[in-house]
């Protein structure tokens, strides 16, 4: 699905917890050598050296709120000017009501309507597309798109389960739970102009691969799997299918791109995304090394930490389990 866009990023914010936990520490805790896997496998092979983990009292919405406050300052926007709040995290404070309600209340964004958007790691880009549609329809002028991911909950569940298991196959299914990290991300989206803003967004979904990465809460705890190798193969296949049409849609050549921001799960997927986009790896900033897979916060945190210069041409490649992918061109 091709989408014409009229909006721009007016401000970016991120929040990263202070506690650092290394991959080697997590692998030592589960005694990974029992599965024939060295303790440095995640740090050495996947490239994730450490990640941030929030404390027990921190909610997903807390991280979204702190990131949103940074984004508001960056955009020089007051909370009462926000017309719409979209919370896009996998982790939510509760099933009902929308977590976006707490964000509205804590920020004091009394004029905003609110809702949650969920699509795994892809949710944030879906949130941007919804924000753009509201702005294009003149239903909103200023939209806050935000997320808070406390994926350490998944990590602790995986550790507890792996301590009780000895099967290499079960280890492989749950290893992905040790690669994620906690973070908050936020963007203020407003109407763009001919000199700045999203140009096009190109979406594709393939629901035949839902089994590759999922988790659900059951009476006996979290159940699921993250087949990292298989999902990477399918994600790269989908992106390859329409990267050329995205460049054609934008009217850009690969050499005109200044930066590539893509979803971060590890070294090999990152290299694969850059390669199929015909981009040198030095144009694709990384965050997976020190922050892990930040799920839906991956894109905003990466852009916050590696901020583009105004006027630069940006290619964004988002992914999410299910599977869903997006390629977008942005003049920052």
C-alpha atoms as a PDB file:
ATOM      1  CA  UNK A   1       0.000   0.000   0.000  1.00  0.00           C
ATOM      2  CA  UNK A   2       1.394   3.362  -1.060  1.00  0.00           C
ATOM      3  CA  UNK A   3       0.622   6.428   1.043  1.00  0.00           C
ATOM      4  CA  UNK A   4       1.144  10.073   0.125  1.00  0.00           C
ATOM      5  CA  UNK A   5       2.284  12.099   3.128  1.00  0.00           C
ATOM      6  CA  UNK A   6       2.134  15.736   4.170  1.00  0.00           C
ATOM      7  CA  UNK A   7       3.554  15.670   7.726  1.00  0.00           C
ATOM      8  CA  UNK A   8       6.962  16.288   9.262  1.00  0.00           C
ATOM      9  CA  UNK A   9       8.806  15.421  12.458  1.00  0.00           C
ATOM     10  CA  UNK A  10       8.766  18.594  14.546  1.00  0.00           C
ATOM     11  CA  UNK A  11      10.424  17.048  17.614  1.00  0.00           C
ATOM     12  CA  UNK A  12      12.008  13.792  18.752  1.00  0.00           C
ATOM     13  CA  UNK A  13      12.390  12.419  22.277  1.00  0.00           C
ATOM     14  CA  UNK A  14      13.713   9.300  23.946  1.00  0.00           C
ATOM     15  CA  UNK A  15      14.104   7.854  27.411  1.00  0.00           C
ATOM     16  CA  UNK A  16      16.619   5.151  28.322  1.00  0.00           C
ATOM     17  CA  UNK A  17      16.739   3.594  31.808  1.00  0.00           C
ATOM     18  CA  UNK A  18      20.033   3.882  33.656  1.00  0.00           C
ATOM     19  CA  UNK A  19      20.585   0.204  34.511  1.00  0.00           C
ATOM     20  CA  UNK A  20      22.855  -1.598  32.060  1.00  0.00           C
ATOM     21  CA  UNK A  21      22.767  -5.385  31.812  1.00  0.00           C
ATOM     22  CA  UNK A  22      25.192  -7.206  29.536  1.00  0.00           C
ATOM     23  CA  UNK A  23      24.326 -10.104  27.286  1.00  0.00           C
ATOM     24  CA  UNK A  24      27.120 -12.168  28.785  1.00  0.00           C
ATOM     25  CA  UNK A  25      25.570 -11.731  32.234  1.00  0.00           C
ATOM     26  CA  UNK A  26      22.185 -12.976  31.020  1.00  0.00           C
ATOM     27  CA  UNK A  27      23.721 -15.963  29.244  1.00  0.00           C
ATOM     28  CA  UNK A  28      25.732 -16.841  32.348  1.00  0.00           C
ATOM     29  CA  UNK A  29      22.569 -16.659  34.466  1.00  0.00           C
ATOM     30  CA  UNK A  30      20.837 -19.308  32.347  1.00  0.00           C
ATOM     31  CA  UNK A  31      24.064 -21.340  32.022  1.00  0.00           C
ATOM     32  CA  UNK A  32      23.899 -21.207  28.218  1.00  0.00           C
ATOM     33  CA  UNK A  33      26.721 -23.729  27.862  1.00  0.00           C
ATOM     34  CA  UNK A  34      24.135 -26.382  28.854  1.00  0.00           C
ATOM     35  CA  UNK A  35      22.637 -25.790  25.402  1.00  0.00           C
ATOM     36  CA  UNK A  36      25.999 -25.932  23.650  1.00  0.00           C
ATOM     37  CA  UNK A  37      26.049 -22.136  23.315  1.00  0.00           C
ATOM     38  CA  UNK A  38      28.898 -19.978  24.667  1.00  0.00           C
ATOM     39  CA  UNK A  39      28.085 -17.140  27.038  1.00  0.00           C
ATOM     40  CA  UNK A  40      29.338 -14.579  24.512  1.00  0.00           C
ATOM     41  CA  UNK A  41      27.032 -15.772  21.705  1.00  0.00           C
ATOM     42  CA  UNK A  42      24.631 -12.793  21.834  1.00  0.00           C
ATOM     43  CA  UNK A  43      27.399 -10.228  22.185  1.00  0.00           C
ATOM     44  CA  UNK A  44      29.721 -11.849  19.642  1.00  0.00           C
ATOM     45  CA  UNK A  45      27.383 -13.261  16.989  1.00  0.00           C
ATOM     46  CA  UNK A  46      24.281 -11.076  17.245  1.00  0.00           C
ATOM     47  CA  UNK A  47      26.212  -7.943  18.221  1.00  0.00           C
ATOM     48  CA  UNK A  48      24.128  -6.962  21.255  1.00  0.00           C
ATOM     49  CA  UNK A  49      26.609  -6.213  24.026  1.00  0.00           C
ATOM     50  CA  UNK A  50      24.188  -4.775  26.573  1.00  0.00           C
ATOM     51  CA  UNK A  51      20.740  -3.320  27.019  1.00  0.00           C
ATOM     52  CA  UNK A  52      18.922  -0.992  29.433  1.00  0.00           C
ATOM     53  CA  UNK A  53      16.428  -2.413  31.908  1.00  0.00           C
ATOM     54  CA  UNK A  54      13.905  -0.371  33.883  1.00  0.00           C
ATOM     55  CA  UNK A  55      13.293  -0.935  37.570  1.00  0.00           C
ATOM     56  CA  UNK A  56      10.313  -2.863  38.863  1.00  0.00           C
ATOM     57  CA  UNK A  57       8.170   0.212  39.582  1.00  0.00           C
ATOM     58  CA  UNK A  58       8.581   1.828  36.146  1.00  0.00           C
ATOM     59  CA  UNK A  59       5.575   1.412  33.857  1.00  0.00           C
ATOM     60  CA  UNK A  60       5.651   1.353  30.076  1.00  0.00           C
ATOM     61  CA  UNK A  61       3.701   4.619  30.118  1.00  0.00           C
ATOM     62  CA  UNK A  62       6.311   6.233  32.400  1.00  0.00           C
ATOM     63  CA  UNK A  63       8.961   5.776  29.722  1.00  0.00           C
ATOM     64  CA  UNK A  64       6.600   7.065  27.032  1.00  0.00           C
ATOM     65  CA  UNK A  65       5.813  10.127  29.147  1.00  0.00           C
ATOM     66  CA  UNK A  66       9.468  10.970  29.764  1.00  0.00           C
ATOM     67  CA  UNK A  67      10.286  10.576  26.069  1.00  0.00           C
ATOM     68  CA  UNK A  68       7.265  12.716  25.163  1.00  0.00           C
ATOM     69  CA  UNK A  69       8.401  15.522  27.450  1.00  0.00           C
ATOM     70  CA  UNK A  70      11.723  15.598  25.600  1.00  0.00           C
ATOM     71  CA  UNK A  71       9.963  15.617  22.222  1.00  0.00           C
ATOM     72  CA  UNK A  72       7.695  18.481  23.288  1.00  0.00           C
ATOM     73  CA  UNK A  73      10.691  20.587  24.326  1.00  0.00           C
ATOM     74  CA  UNK A  74      12.478  19.727  21.106  1.00  0.00           C
ATOM     75  CA  UNK A  75       9.481  20.877  19.058  1.00  0.00           C
ATOM     76  CA  UNK A  76       8.856  23.940  21.271  1.00  0.00           C
ATOM     77  CA  UNK A  77       5.286  22.749  21.726  1.00  0.00           C
ATOM     78  CA  UNK A  78       3.159  22.944  24.874  1.00  0.00           C
ATOM     79  CA  UNK A  79       1.142  19.950  26.017  1.00  0.00           C
ATOM     80  CA  UNK A  80      -2.176  21.818  25.654  1.00  0.00           C
ATOM     81  CA  UNK A  81      -1.415  22.262  21.936  1.00  0.00           C
ATOM     82  CA  UNK A  82      -1.540  18.506  21.262  1.00  0.00           C
ATOM     83  CA  UNK A  83      -4.662  17.459  19.356  1.00  0.00           C
ATOM     84  CA  UNK A  84      -4.093  13.695  19.278  1.00  0.00           C
ATOM     85  CA  UNK A  85      -1.996  11.222  21.284  1.00  0.00           C
ATOM     86  CA  UNK A  86      -1.172   7.834  19.774  1.00  0.00           C
ATOM     87  CA  UNK A  87       0.474   5.292  22.072  1.00  0.00           C
ATOM     88  CA  UNK A  88       2.096   2.541  20.000  1.00  0.00           C
ATOM     89  CA  UNK A  89       3.790   0.186  22.453  1.00  0.00           C
ATOM     90  CA  UNK A  90       3.629  -3.587  22.618  1.00  0.00           C
ATOM     91  CA  UNK A  91       3.711  -3.230  26.396  1.00  0.00           C
ATOM     92  CA  UNK A  92       0.706  -1.429  27.844  1.00  0.00           C
ATOM     93  CA  UNK A  93      -0.193  -0.548  31.400  1.00  0.00           C
ATOM     94  CA  UNK A  94      -3.467  -2.435  31.104  1.00  0.00           C
ATOM     95  CA  UNK A  95      -5.774  -3.964  28.525  1.00  0.00           C
ATOM     96  CA  UNK A  96      -8.443  -1.346  29.181  1.00  0.00           C
ATOM     97  CA  UNK A  97      -8.514   1.626  28.933  1.00  0.00           C
ATOM     98  CA  UNK A  98      -6.015   2.821  26.323  1.00  0.00           C
ATOM     99  CA  UNK A  99      -2.632   3.547  27.911  1.00  0.00           C
ATOM    100  CA  UNK A 100      -2.691   6.857  25.993  1.00  0.00           C
ATOM    101  CA  UNK A 101      -5.185   8.139  28.590  1.00  0.00           C
ATOM    102  CA  UNK A 102      -2.540   8.113  31.339  1.00  0.00           C
ATOM    103  CA  UNK A 103      -0.060   9.855  29.037  1.00  0.00           C
ATOM    104  CA  UNK A 104      -2.601  12.583  28.329  1.00  0.00           C
ATOM    105  CA  UNK A 105      -3.328  13.077  32.021  1.00  0.00           C
ATOM    106  CA  UNK A 106       0.326  13.162  33.124  1.00  0.00           C
ATOM    107  CA  UNK A 107       1.380  15.554  30.353  1.00  0.00           C
ATOM    108  CA  UNK A 108      -1.627  17.808  30.897  1.00  0.00           C
ATOM    109  CA  UNK A 109      -2.640  17.491  27.236  1.00  0.00           C
ATOM    110  CA  UNK A 110      -6.263  18.281  28.036  1.00  0.00           C
ATOM    111  CA  UNK A 111      -7.235  19.163  24.441  1.00  0.00           C
ATOM    112  CA  UNK A 112      -6.055  15.869  22.952  1.00  0.00           C
ATOM    113  CA  UNK A 113      -8.078  12.847  21.984  1.00  0.00           C
ATOM    114  CA  UNK A 114      -6.226   9.597  22.598  1.00  0.00           C
ATOM    115  CA  UNK A 115      -5.965   5.996  21.426  1.00  0.00           C
ATOM    116  CA  UNK A 116      -3.576   3.054  21.372  1.00  0.00           C
ATOM    117  CA  UNK A 117      -2.131   1.578  18.191  1.00  0.00           C
ATOM    118  CA  UNK A 118      -0.612  -1.884  18.295  1.00  0.00           C
ATOM    119  CA  UNK A 119       1.303  -3.780  15.615  1.00  0.00           C
ATOM    120  CA  UNK A 120       4.296  -5.341  17.374  1.00  0.00           C
ATOM    121  CA  UNK A 121       7.606  -3.594  16.580  1.00  0.00           C
ATOM    122  CA  UNK A 122       5.953  -1.902  13.615  1.00  0.00           C
ATOM    123  CA  UNK A 123       3.479   0.068  15.707  1.00  0.00           C
ATOM    124  CA  UNK A 124       5.376   3.353  15.781  1.00  0.00           C
ATOM    125  CA  UNK A 125       5.451   3.721  11.998  1.00  0.00           C
ATOM    126  CA  UNK A 126       1.762   2.852  11.869  1.00  0.00           C
ATOM    127  CA  UNK A 127       1.257   5.601  14.428  1.00  0.00           C
ATOM    128  CA  UNK A 128       3.055   8.102  12.204  1.00  0.00           C
ATOM    129  CA  UNK A 129       0.868   7.126   9.243  1.00  0.00           C
ATOM    130  CA  UNK A 130      -2.292   7.640  11.325  1.00  0.00           C
ATOM    131  CA  UNK A 131      -0.991  10.997  12.538  1.00  0.00           C
ATOM    132  CA  UNK A 132      -0.351  12.008   8.932  1.00  0.00           C
ATOM    133  CA  UNK A 133      -3.895  11.045   7.937  1.00  0.00           C
ATOM    134  CA  UNK A 134      -5.426  13.141  10.750  1.00  0.00           C
ATOM    135  CA  UNK A 135      -3.283  16.114   9.740  1.00  0.00           C
ATOM    136  CA  UNK A 136      -4.106  15.687   6.033  1.00  0.00           C
ATOM    137  CA  UNK A 137      -7.811  15.703   6.938  1.00  0.00           C
ATOM    138  CA  UNK A 138      -7.360  18.912   8.976  1.00  0.00           C
ATOM    139  CA  UNK A 139      -8.602  17.037  12.032  1.00  0.00           C
ATOM    140  CA  UNK A 140      -5.347  17.686  13.908  1.00  0.00           C
ATOM    141  CA  UNK A 141      -2.447  20.101  13.707  1.00  0.00           C
ATOM    142  CA  UNK A 142      -0.140  18.582  16.321  1.00  0.00           C
ATOM    143  CA  UNK A 143       0.065  14.864  17.070  1.00  0.00           C
ATOM    144  CA  UNK A 144       2.131  13.078  19.697  1.00  0.00           C
ATOM    145  CA  UNK A 145       3.205   9.580  18.624  1.00  0.00           C
ATOM    146  CA  UNK A 146       4.852   7.761  21.520  1.00  0.00           C
ATOM    147  CA  UNK A 147       5.768   4.382  22.935  1.00  0.00           C
ATOM    148  CA  UNK A 148       7.182   2.824  26.065  1.00  0.00           C
ATOM    149  CA  UNK A 149       8.620  -0.653  25.960  1.00  0.00           C
ATOM    150  CA  UNK A 150       9.337  -2.604  29.137  1.00  0.00           C
ATOM    151  CA  UNK A 151      10.502  -5.711  27.342  1.00  0.00           C
ATOM    152  CA  UNK A 152      12.571  -6.714  30.366  1.00  0.00           C
ATOM    153  CA  UNK A 153       9.349  -8.377  31.551  1.00  0.00           C
ATOM    154  CA  UNK A 154       9.793 -10.771  28.632  1.00  0.00           C
ATOM    155  CA  UNK A 155      13.485 -11.208  29.473  1.00  0.00           C
ATOM    156  CA  UNK A 156      12.771 -12.205  33.066  1.00  0.00           C
ATOM    157  CA  UNK A 157      10.126 -14.684  31.883  1.00  0.00           C
ATOM    158  CA  UNK A 158      12.593 -16.189  29.385  1.00  0.00           C
ATOM    159  CA  UNK A 159      15.265 -16.514  32.076  1.00  0.00           C
ATOM    160  CA  UNK A 160      12.885 -18.284  34.458  1.00  0.00           C
ATOM    161  CA  UNK A 161      11.784 -20.690  31.724  1.00  0.00           C
ATOM    162  CA  UNK A 162      15.279 -21.410  30.391  1.00  0.00           C
ATOM    163  CA  UNK A 163      16.590 -22.239  33.856  1.00  0.00           C
ATOM    164  CA  UNK A 164      14.092 -25.105  33.941  1.00  0.00           C
ATOM    165  CA  UNK A 165      14.745 -26.387  30.418  1.00  0.00           C
ATOM    166  CA  UNK A 166      17.484 -28.415  28.785  1.00  0.00           C
ATOM    167  CA  UNK A 167      16.189 -28.713  25.203  1.00  0.00           C
ATOM    168  CA  UNK A 168      18.273 -26.935  22.559  1.00  0.00           C
ATOM    169  CA  UNK A 169      15.126 -26.409  20.486  1.00  0.00           C
ATOM    170  CA  UNK A 170      13.341 -24.673  23.372  1.00  0.00           C
ATOM    171  CA  UNK A 171      16.454 -22.580  23.985  1.00  0.00           C
ATOM    172  CA  UNK A 172      16.420 -21.430  20.355  1.00  0.00           C
ATOM    173  CA  UNK A 173      12.750 -20.443  20.601  1.00  0.00           C
ATOM    174  CA  UNK A 174      13.332 -18.313  23.699  1.00  0.00           C
ATOM    175  CA  UNK A 175      16.755 -16.810  22.963  1.00  0.00           C
ATOM    176  CA  UNK A 176      15.160 -13.730  21.414  1.00  0.00           C
ATOM    177  CA  UNK A 177      13.756 -12.828  24.829  1.00  0.00           C
ATOM    178  CA  UNK A 178      17.325 -12.139  25.954  1.00  0.00           C
ATOM    179  CA  UNK A 179      18.014  -9.677  23.112  1.00  0.00           C
ATOM    180  CA  UNK A 180      15.410  -6.997  23.927  1.00  0.00           C
ATOM    181  CA  UNK A 181      15.778  -3.785  25.911  1.00  0.00           C
ATOM    182  CA  UNK A 182      13.637  -1.130  27.618  1.00  0.00           C
ATOM    183  CA  UNK A 183      13.124   2.392  26.274  1.00  0.00           C
ATOM    184  CA  UNK A 184      10.676   5.160  25.538  1.00  0.00           C
ATOM    185  CA  UNK A 185      10.381   7.000  22.230  1.00  0.00           C
ATOM    186  CA  UNK A 186       8.288   9.905  21.004  1.00  0.00           C
ATOM    187  CA  UNK A 187       7.803  12.244  18.064  1.00  0.00           C
ATOM    188  CA  UNK A 188       5.770  15.397  17.560  1.00  0.00           C
ATOM    189  CA  UNK A 189       4.200  15.258  14.109  1.00  0.00           C
ATOM    190  CA  UNK A 190       2.944  18.402  12.360  1.00  0.00           C
ATOM    191  CA  UNK A 191       2.164  19.528   8.823  1.00  0.00           C
ATOM    192  CA  UNK A 192       5.252  19.648   6.631  1.00  0.00           C
ATOM    193  CA  UNK A 193       6.111  21.703   3.546  1.00  0.00           C
ATOM    194  CA  UNK A 194       8.009  21.307   0.300  1.00  0.00           C
ATOM    195  CA  UNK A 195      11.314  21.528   2.165  1.00  0.00           C
ATOM    196  CA  UNK A 196      10.678  19.037   4.977  1.00  0.00           C
ATOM    197  CA  UNK A 197       8.492  16.091   5.805  1.00  0.00           C
ATOM    198  CA  UNK A 198       7.546  12.542   4.938  1.00  0.00           C
ATOM    199  CA  UNK A 199       7.285  12.147   1.179  1.00  0.00           C
ATOM    200  CA  UNK A 200       5.788   8.664   0.824  1.00  0.00           C
ATOM    201  CA  UNK A 201       5.171   5.582   2.954  1.00  0.00           C
ATOM    202  CA  UNK A 202       5.105   2.122   1.395  1.00  0.00           C
ATOM    203  CA  UNK A 203       3.533  -0.694   3.460  1.00  0.00           C
ATOM    204  CA  UNK A 204       3.311  -4.463   3.069  1.00  0.00           C
ATOM    205  CA  UNK A 205       1.993  -7.209   5.371  1.00  0.00           C
ATOM    206  CA  UNK A 206       2.154 -10.996   5.139  1.00  0.00           C
ATOM    207  CA  UNK A 207       0.065 -12.712   7.810  1.00  0.00           C
ATOM    208  CA  UNK A 208       1.254 -16.190   6.891  1.00  0.00           C
ATOM    209  CA  UNK A 209       4.266 -15.839   9.202  1.00  0.00           C
ATOM    210  CA  UNK A 210       2.563 -15.070  12.523  1.00  0.00           C
ATOM    211  CA  UNK A 211       4.102 -18.181  14.095  1.00  0.00           C
ATOM    212  CA  UNK A 212       7.685 -16.961  13.682  1.00  0.00           C
ATOM    213  CA  UNK A 213       7.524 -14.410  16.491  1.00  0.00           C
ATOM    214  CA  UNK A 214       4.744 -14.165  19.043  1.00  0.00           C
ATOM    215  CA  UNK A 215       4.027 -14.220  22.725  1.00  0.00           C
ATOM    216  CA  UNK A 216       0.866 -14.354  24.776  1.00  0.00           C
ATOM    217  CA  UNK A 217      -0.021 -14.420  28.438  1.00  0.00           C
ATOM    218  CA  UNK A 218      -1.555 -17.640  29.768  1.00  0.00           C
ATOM    219  CA  UNK A 219      -2.469 -18.925  33.219  1.00  0.00           C
ATOM    220  CA  UNK A 220       0.890 -20.700  33.354  1.00  0.00           C
ATOM    221  CA  UNK A 221       2.910 -17.647  32.286  1.00  0.00           C
ATOM    222  CA  UNK A 222       4.146 -16.215  28.996  1.00  0.00           C
ATOM    223  CA  UNK A 223       4.013 -18.549  26.012  1.00  0.00           C
ATOM    224  CA  UNK A 224       5.650 -17.899  22.660  1.00  0.00           C
ATOM    225  CA  UNK A 225       8.765 -17.965  20.540  1.00  0.00           C
ATOM    226  CA  UNK A 226      11.057 -15.725  18.536  1.00  0.00           C
ATOM    227  CA  UNK A 227      12.669 -17.664  15.693  1.00  0.00           C
ATOM    228  CA  UNK A 228      15.270 -15.039  14.926  1.00  0.00           C
ATOM    229  CA  UNK A 229      16.916 -16.619  11.896  1.00  0.00           C
ATOM    230  CA  UNK A 230      13.634 -17.467  10.162  1.00  0.00           C
ATOM    231  CA  UNK A 231      11.980 -14.116  10.798  1.00  0.00           C
ATOM    232  CA  UNK A 232      15.065 -12.278   9.518  1.00  0.00           C
ATOM    233  CA  UNK A 233      14.952 -14.242   6.262  1.00  0.00           C
ATOM    234  CA  UNK A 234      11.288 -13.392   5.711  1.00  0.00           C
ATOM    235  CA  UNK A 235      11.619  -9.732   6.708  1.00  0.00           C
ATOM    236  CA  UNK A 236      14.509  -9.229   4.274  1.00  0.00           C
ATOM    237  CA  UNK A 237      12.524 -11.036   1.573  1.00  0.00           C
ATOM    238  CA  UNK A 238       9.588  -8.646   1.996  1.00  0.00           C
ATOM    239  CA  UNK A 239      11.791  -5.545   1.995  1.00  0.00           C
ATOM    240  CA  UNK A 240      13.643  -6.738  -1.104  1.00  0.00           C
ATOM    241  CA  UNK A 241      10.358  -7.229  -2.952  1.00  0.00           C
ATOM    242  CA  UNK A 242       9.569  -3.521  -3.071  1.00  0.00           C
ATOM    243  CA  UNK A 243      12.690  -1.481  -2.286  1.00  0.00           C
ATOM    244  CA  UNK A 244      13.127  -0.589  -5.964  1.00  0.00           C
ATOM    245  CA  UNK A 245       9.500   0.512  -6.246  1.00  0.00           C
ATOM    246  CA  UNK A 246       9.958   2.659  -3.116  1.00  0.00           C
ATOM    247  CA  UNK A 247      12.896   4.489  -4.703  1.00  0.00           C
ATOM    248  CA  UNK A 248      10.824   4.935  -7.867  1.00  0.00           C
ATOM    249  CA  UNK A 249       7.860   6.169  -5.832  1.00  0.00           C
ATOM    250  CA  UNK A 250      10.073   8.739  -4.107  1.00  0.00           C
ATOM    251  CA  UNK A 251      11.902   9.712  -7.284  1.00  0.00           C
ATOM    252  CA  UNK A 252      15.180   9.171  -5.428  1.00  0.00           C
ATOM    253  CA  UNK A 253      18.323   7.259  -6.266  1.00  0.00           C
ATOM    254  CA  UNK A 254      20.110   5.173  -3.595  1.00  0.00           C
ATOM    255  CA  UNK A 255      23.115   7.502  -3.731  1.00  0.00           C
ATOM    256  CA  UNK A 256      20.923  10.483  -2.814  1.00  0.00           C
ATOM    257  CA  UNK A 257      20.127   9.006   0.633  1.00  0.00           C
ATOM    258  CA  UNK A 258      21.966  10.673   3.538  1.00  0.00           C
ATOM    259  CA  UNK A 259      20.928   8.253   6.306  1.00  0.00           C
ATOM    260  CA  UNK A 260      19.112   4.939   6.645  1.00  0.00           C
ATOM    261  CA  UNK A 261      17.185   4.258   9.843  1.00  0.00           C
ATOM    262  CA  UNK A 262      15.978   0.687  10.168  1.00  0.00           C
ATOM    263  CA  UNK A 263      14.559  -1.526  12.875  1.00  0.00           C
ATOM    264  CA  UNK A 264      17.364  -2.904  15.049  1.00  0.00           C
ATOM    265  CA  UNK A 265      17.551  -6.584  16.015  1.00  0.00           C
ATOM    266  CA  UNK A 266      21.226  -7.405  15.485  1.00  0.00           C
ATOM    267  CA  UNK A 267      24.243  -7.147  13.231  1.00  0.00           C
ATOM    268  CA  UNK A 268      23.295  -9.530  10.406  1.00  0.00           C
ATOM    269  CA  UNK A 269      19.740  -8.199   9.890  1.00  0.00           C
ATOM    270  CA  UNK A 270      21.097  -4.654   9.997  1.00  0.00           C
ATOM    271  CA  UNK A 271      23.749  -5.412   7.386  1.00  0.00           C
ATOM    272  CA  UNK A 272      21.128  -7.172   5.270  1.00  0.00           C
ATOM    273  CA  UNK A 273      18.773  -4.175   5.342  1.00  0.00           C
ATOM    274  CA  UNK A 274      21.536  -1.773   4.344  1.00  0.00           C
ATOM    275  CA  UNK A 275      22.675  -4.051   1.538  1.00  0.00           C
ATOM    276  CA  UNK A 276      19.274  -4.534  -0.073  1.00  0.00           C
ATOM    277  CA  UNK A 277      18.653  -0.765   0.189  1.00  0.00           C
ATOM    278  CA  UNK A 278      21.958  -0.278  -1.676  1.00  0.00           C
ATOM    279  CA  UNK A 279      23.360   1.754   1.214  1.00  0.00           C
ATOM    280  CA  UNK A 280      26.842   1.638   2.743  1.00  0.00           C
ATOM    281  CA  UNK A 281      26.728   0.474   6.345  1.00  0.00           C
ATOM    282  CA  UNK A 282      28.192   3.762   7.607  1.00  0.00           C
ATOM    283  CA  UNK A 283      24.973   5.523   6.537  1.00  0.00           C
ATOM    284  CA  UNK A 284      22.885   3.266   8.782  1.00  0.00           C
ATOM    285  CA  UNK A 285      23.340   4.225  12.472  1.00  0.00           C
ATOM    286  CA  UNK A 286      23.096   1.379  14.979  1.00  0.00           C
ATOM    287  CA  UNK A 287      21.610   1.150  18.447  1.00  0.00           C
ATOM    288  CA  UNK A 288      21.369  -2.627  18.836  1.00  0.00           C
ATOM    289  CA  UNK A 289      24.922  -2.891  20.233  1.00  0.00           C
ATOM    290  CA  UNK A 290      24.279  -0.972  23.458  1.00  0.00           C
ATOM    291  CA  UNK A 291      20.478  -1.036  23.676  1.00  0.00           C
ATOM    292  CA  UNK A 292      19.339  -4.317  22.111  1.00  0.00           C
ATOM    293  CA  UNK A 293      16.091  -4.775  20.223  1.00  0.00           C
ATOM    294  CA  UNK A 294      13.942  -1.858  21.402  1.00  0.00           C
ATOM    295  CA  UNK A 295      10.878  -3.209  19.576  1.00  0.00           C
ATOM    296  CA  UNK A 296       8.481  -0.334  18.762  1.00  0.00           C
ATOM    297  CA  UNK A 297      10.879   2.258  20.262  1.00  0.00           C
ATOM    298  CA  UNK A 298      13.680   1.289  17.879  1.00  0.00           C
ATOM    299  CA  UNK A 299      13.147   3.959  15.187  1.00  0.00           C
ATOM    300  CA  UNK A 300      12.514   7.008  17.443  1.00  0.00           C
ATOM    301  CA  UNK A 301      15.401   6.146  19.783  1.00  0.00           C
ATOM    302  CA  UNK A 302      17.765   5.619  16.851  1.00  0.00           C
ATOM    303  CA  UNK A 303      16.778   8.951  15.302  1.00  0.00           C
ATOM    304  CA  UNK A 304      17.095  10.698  18.669  1.00  0.00           C
ATOM    305  CA  UNK A 305      20.579   9.330  19.327  1.00  0.00           C
ATOM    306  CA  UNK A 306      21.749   9.814  15.732  1.00  0.00           C
ATOM    307  CA  UNK A 307      19.817  12.923  14.849  1.00  0.00           C
ATOM    308  CA  UNK A 308      19.656  13.811  11.152  1.00  0.00           C
ATOM    309  CA  UNK A 309      20.515  17.276   9.915  1.00  0.00           C
ATOM    310  CA  UNK A 310      17.741  19.459   8.562  1.00  0.00           C
ATOM    311  CA  UNK A 311      17.368  18.948   4.834  1.00  0.00           C
ATOM    312  CA  UNK A 312      18.856  15.454   4.783  1.00  0.00           C
ATOM    313  CA  UNK A 313      17.105  12.728   2.811  1.00  0.00           C
ATOM    314  CA  UNK A 314      16.241   9.830   5.093  1.00  0.00           C
ATOM    315  CA  UNK A 315      15.126   6.311   4.240  1.00  0.00           C
ATOM    316  CA  UNK A 316      13.269   4.517   7.036  1.00  0.00           C
ATOM    317  CA  UNK A 317      12.761   0.745   6.983  1.00  0.00           C
ATOM    318  CA  UNK A 318      10.482  -0.581   9.679  1.00  0.00           C
ATOM    319  CA  UNK A 319       9.574  -4.175  10.503  1.00  0.00           C
ATOM    320  CA  UNK A 320       7.317  -6.053  12.859  1.00  0.00           C
ATOM    321  CA  UNK A 321       6.329  -9.630  13.533  1.00  0.00           C
ATOM    322  CA  UNK A 322       3.225 -10.825  11.800  1.00  0.00           C
ATOM    323  CA  UNK A 323       4.827  -9.835   9.363  1.00  0.00           C
ATOM    324  CA  UNK A 324       4.574  -6.114   8.567  1.00  0.00           C
ATOM    325  CA  UNK A 325       7.117  -3.860   6.890  1.00  0.00           C
ATOM    326  CA  UNK A 326       7.291  -0.216   5.854  1.00  0.00           C
ATOM    327  CA  UNK A 327       9.661   1.818   3.724  1.00  0.00           C
ATOM    328  CA  UNK A 328       9.416   5.582   3.955  1.00  0.00           C
ATOM    329  CA  UNK A 329      11.211   8.590   2.531  1.00  0.00           C
ATOM    330  CA  UNK A 330      11.649  11.663   4.699  1.00  0.00           C
ATOM    331  CA  UNK A 331      13.274  15.032   4.147  1.00  0.00           C
ATOM    332  CA  UNK A 332      14.229  15.948   7.672  1.00  0.00           C
END
